[in-house]
Amino acid sequence: MTRATWNHLLAEVKRMHEADAALMAFCPFPDDVTPQEVRHFHIPPQDLMQQEDGFSDPETPLRRAFIAAADLAQWRETYKDTDIGDDFMDRFGCYCLIGEGGAFHSAKMAAWVVYMPAHLHYPWHHHPGEEMYRVIGGAARFFRKDMPEEWLTSGQTCEHASNQPHAMETEDEPVMAYVIWRNGFDTPPVLTR
């Protein structure tokens, strides 16, 4: 059942990705995706995402598939041992689908799901990898250095250039986003000082 759950999620992601012009222009869905083993790692935001009922937009098969795979995923603690604070660590959730720690590998793209409950600020950070967020549930305010802030809802995207500092925050509802990198896979995000 484990591999079937991952395969179903990958099929839903591919369907959405290939139907989205912005995602395809940024990075076509890779043709070199292969399965790899995942070791489940649980963090508190996993439970928050699975119990979340604050989305104002209708549930989608893609969101359901990400939630269904949550019990199998290796949840990330990207900012562990930083001064980001316990509130953020206890509420910000992210797991990889394609890439290190994910159920699949590709040399051309990495992909994650990001979850943030209502009233959470994701501090300014940066990374060499060029990145695109696509909101798949809820809404959030996106900030990018030298750019106007944007309020994004389901189906909308935000692109981050290499090492461009960026941040995001939720207001009265959560957000779930599909996040892809097209390069720079070996260097994780760091907080921008």
Protein backbone atom coordinates (compact mmCIF):
# COMPACT_ATOMS: atom_id res chain seq x y z
CA MET A 1 0.00 0.00 0.00
CA THR A 2 2.91 2.36 0.70
CA ARG A 3 4.18 2.47 -2.90
CA ALA A 4 0.60 2.71 -4.23
CA THR A 5 0.01 5.80 -2.05
CA TRP A 6 3.17 7.44 -3.36
CA ASN A 7 2.38 6.51 -6.97
CA HIS A 8 -1.11 7.99 -6.64
CA LEU A 9 0.34 11.22 -5.22
CA LEU A 10 2.92 11.42 -8.01
CA ALA A 11 0.18 10.96 -10.63
CA GLU A 12 -1.92 13.76 -9.07
CA VAL A 13 1.12 16.06 -8.90
CA LYS A 14 2.09 15.32 -12.50
CA ARG A 15 -1.47 15.98 -13.71
CA MET A 16 -1.60 19.35 -11.94
CA HIS A 17 1.96 20.33 -12.89
CA GLU A 18 1.53 19.57 -16.60
CA ALA A 19 -1.76 21.51 -16.72
CA ASP A 20 -0.21 24.64 -15.19
CA ALA A 21 1.48 26.92 -17.76
CA ALA A 22 3.55 28.79 -15.15
CA LEU A 23 4.96 25.58 -13.65
CA MET A 24 5.73 24.13 -17.08
CA ALA A 25 7.47 27.33 -18.20
CA PHE A 26 9.55 27.36 -15.01
CA CYS A 27 10.40 23.64 -15.09
CA PRO A 28 8.74 20.92 -17.19
CA PHE A 29 7.71 17.88 -15.19
CA PRO A 30 10.79 15.62 -15.23
CA ASP A 31 10.99 12.50 -17.37
CA ASP A 32 13.61 10.83 -15.17
CA VAL A 33 11.54 10.23 -12.00
CA THR A 34 12.44 6.96 -10.24
CA PRO A 35 11.19 5.53 -6.92
CA GLN A 36 13.36 5.49 -3.82
CA GLU A 37 12.88 4.35 -0.25
CA VAL A 38 11.51 6.74 2.36
CA ARG A 39 12.03 6.53 6.11
CA HIS A 40 9.05 8.09 7.88
CA PHE A 41 9.90 10.89 10.28
CA HIS A 42 7.12 12.56 12.26
CA ILE A 43 6.98 16.18 13.44
CA PRO A 44 4.02 17.98 15.10
CA PRO A 45 2.98 19.89 11.94
CA GLN A 46 2.14 16.54 10.31
CA ASP A 47 -0.75 16.20 12.77
CA LEU A 48 -1.82 19.81 12.21
CA MET A 49 -1.97 19.31 8.43
CA GLN A 50 -3.90 16.06 8.72
CA GLN A 51 -6.45 17.65 11.08
CA GLU A 52 -6.69 21.00 9.26
CA ASP A 53 -10.26 22.13 8.58
CA GLY A 54 -9.67 25.85 8.02
CA PHE A 55 -9.33 25.95 4.24
CA SER A 56 -11.95 28.20 2.64
CA ASP A 57 -11.56 26.62 -0.80
CA PRO A 58 -12.92 23.16 -1.75
CA GLU A 59 -10.81 20.09 -1.08
CA THR A 60 -9.05 18.69 -4.15
CA PRO A 61 -7.74 15.22 -5.06
CA LEU A 62 -4.21 16.65 -4.98
CA ARG A 63 -4.55 18.00 -1.45
CA ARG A 64 -6.12 14.70 -0.32
CA ALA A 65 -3.21 12.78 -1.88
CA PHE A 66 -0.59 14.90 -0.06
CA ILE A 67 -2.47 14.37 3.22
CA ALA A 68 -2.80 10.60 2.57
CA ALA A 69 0.98 10.31 2.15
CA ALA A 70 1.74 12.32 5.30
CA ASP A 71 1.98 9.19 7.50
CA LEU A 72 4.64 7.78 5.15
CA ALA A 73 6.71 10.92 4.60
CA GLN A 74 10.05 12.01 5.99
CA TRP A 75 9.02 15.37 7.42
CA ARG A 76 11.79 17.96 7.36
CA GLU A 77 13.26 20.03 10.18
CA THR A 78 15.08 22.46 7.91
CA TYR A 79 15.62 25.08 10.60
CA LYS A 80 16.39 22.82 13.57
CA ASP A 81 19.22 24.21 15.70
CA THR A 82 18.61 27.79 14.51
CA ASP A 83 17.06 30.64 16.47
CA ILE A 84 13.79 30.45 14.51
CA GLY A 85 11.86 29.46 17.64
CA ASP A 86 9.72 26.59 18.88
CA ASP A 87 6.42 28.05 17.66
CA PHE A 88 7.62 27.94 14.06
CA MET A 89 9.15 24.48 14.42
CA ASP A 90 5.94 23.15 15.99
CA ARG A 91 3.69 24.57 13.25
CA PHE A 92 5.59 24.73 9.94
CA GLY A 93 5.43 21.49 7.96
CA CYS A 94 7.28 20.36 4.84
CA TYR A 95 8.02 17.01 3.25
CA CYS A 96 9.75 16.04 0.03
CA LEU A 97 8.08 14.11 -2.79
CA ILE A 98 10.89 14.28 -5.37
CA GLY A 99 14.43 14.67 -4.08
CA GLU A 100 16.42 13.95 -0.94
CA GLY A 101 14.21 12.19 1.60
CA GLY A 102 11.35 11.91 -0.88
CA ALA A 103 9.63 8.88 -2.41
CA PHE A 104 11.09 9.71 -5.83
CA HIS A 105 14.35 10.97 -7.32
CA SER A 106 15.00 13.22 -10.31
CA ALA A 107 18.17 14.95 -11.47
CA LYS A 108 16.03 17.69 -13.05
CA MET A 109 13.65 18.87 -10.30
CA ALA A 110 12.89 18.61 -6.59
CA ALA A 111 9.35 18.91 -5.20
CA TRP A 112 7.87 19.37 -1.73
CA VAL A 113 4.61 20.17 -0.03
CA VAL A 114 4.62 23.04 2.46
CA TYR A 115 1.92 23.50 5.09
CA MET A 116 1.41 26.49 7.38
CA PRO A 117 -1.56 26.95 9.72
CA ALA A 118 -3.26 30.32 10.19
CA HIS A 119 -1.28 33.18 11.73
CA LEU A 120 2.23 31.90 11.06
CA HIS A 121 5.16 33.88 9.67
CA TYR A 122 7.87 32.06 7.67
CA PRO A 123 10.90 34.33 8.18
CA TRP A 124 13.10 35.69 5.42
CA HIS A 125 15.33 32.99 3.97
CA HIS A 126 17.21 32.21 0.77
CA HIS A 127 18.88 29.39 -1.15
CA PRO A 128 20.75 28.92 -4.44
CA GLY A 129 17.94 26.81 -5.90
CA GLU A 130 15.52 28.65 -8.17
CA GLU A 131 12.07 27.99 -6.75
CA MET A 132 8.39 28.23 -7.56
CA TYR A 133 5.48 27.95 -5.13
CA ARG A 134 1.98 27.03 -6.32
CA VAL A 135 -0.75 27.39 -3.73
CA ILE A 136 -2.91 24.24 -3.63
CA GLY A 137 -5.09 25.24 -0.69
CA GLY A 138 -5.78 28.31 1.41
CA ALA A 139 -3.91 31.57 1.00
CA ALA A 140 -0.77 33.39 2.11
CA ARG A 141 1.11 36.63 1.66
CA PHE A 142 4.40 36.18 -0.23
CA PHE A 143 7.33 38.57 0.14
CA ARG A 144 10.37 38.81 -2.15
CA LYS A 145 13.29 41.23 -1.86
CA ASP A 146 12.89 44.22 -4.19
CA MET A 147 9.40 43.09 -5.27
CA PRO A 148 5.90 44.06 -4.14
CA GLU A 149 4.25 41.63 -1.73
CA GLU A 150 1.61 39.32 -3.20
CA TRP A 151 -1.49 37.69 -1.72
CA LEU A 152 -1.81 34.26 -3.37
CA THR A 153 -4.71 31.83 -3.33
CA SER A 154 -5.23 28.36 -4.85
CA GLY A 155 -3.79 28.03 -8.32
CA GLN A 156 -1.52 31.07 -8.12
CA THR A 157 2.28 30.91 -8.24
CA CYS A 158 5.29 32.84 -6.98
CA GLU A 159 8.83 32.47 -8.34
CA HIS A 160 12.04 33.05 -6.36
CA ALA A 161 15.35 33.68 -8.13
CA SER A 162 18.58 32.10 -6.92
CA ASN A 163 19.48 33.50 -3.47
CA GLN A 164 16.62 36.02 -3.57
CA PRO A 165 15.49 36.52 0.03
CA HIS A 166 11.83 35.72 0.50
CA ALA A 167 9.27 35.10 3.26
CA MET A 168 5.60 34.29 3.66
CA GLU A 169 2.82 34.50 6.20
CA THR A 170 -0.70 33.30 6.68
CA GLU A 171 -3.55 35.33 8.12
CA ASP A 172 -6.94 33.83 9.06
CA GLU A 173 -6.59 30.58 7.12
CA PRO A 174 -3.84 28.04 6.47
CA VAL A 175 -1.92 27.50 3.27
CA MET A 176 -0.73 24.37 1.51
CA ALA A 177 1.68 24.77 -1.40
CA TYR A 178 3.44 22.65 -3.98
CA VAL A 179 7.06 23.83 -4.15
CA ILE A 180 9.60 23.01 -6.86
CA TRP A 181 13.28 23.72 -7.39
CA ARG A 182 14.89 23.36 -10.81
CA ASN A 183 18.52 23.48 -9.62
CA GLY A 184 20.71 24.02 -6.55
CA PHE A 185 19.49 20.82 -4.92
CA ASP A 186 22.56 20.34 -2.73
CA THR A 187 22.26 23.54 -0.66
CA PRO A 188 19.39 23.86 1.83
CA PRO A 189 17.65 27.12 2.73
CA VAL A 190 19.22 29.38 5.34
CA LEU A 191 17.69 32.25 7.28
CA THR A 192 18.49 35.67 5.82
CA ARG A 193 20.14 37.99 8.33
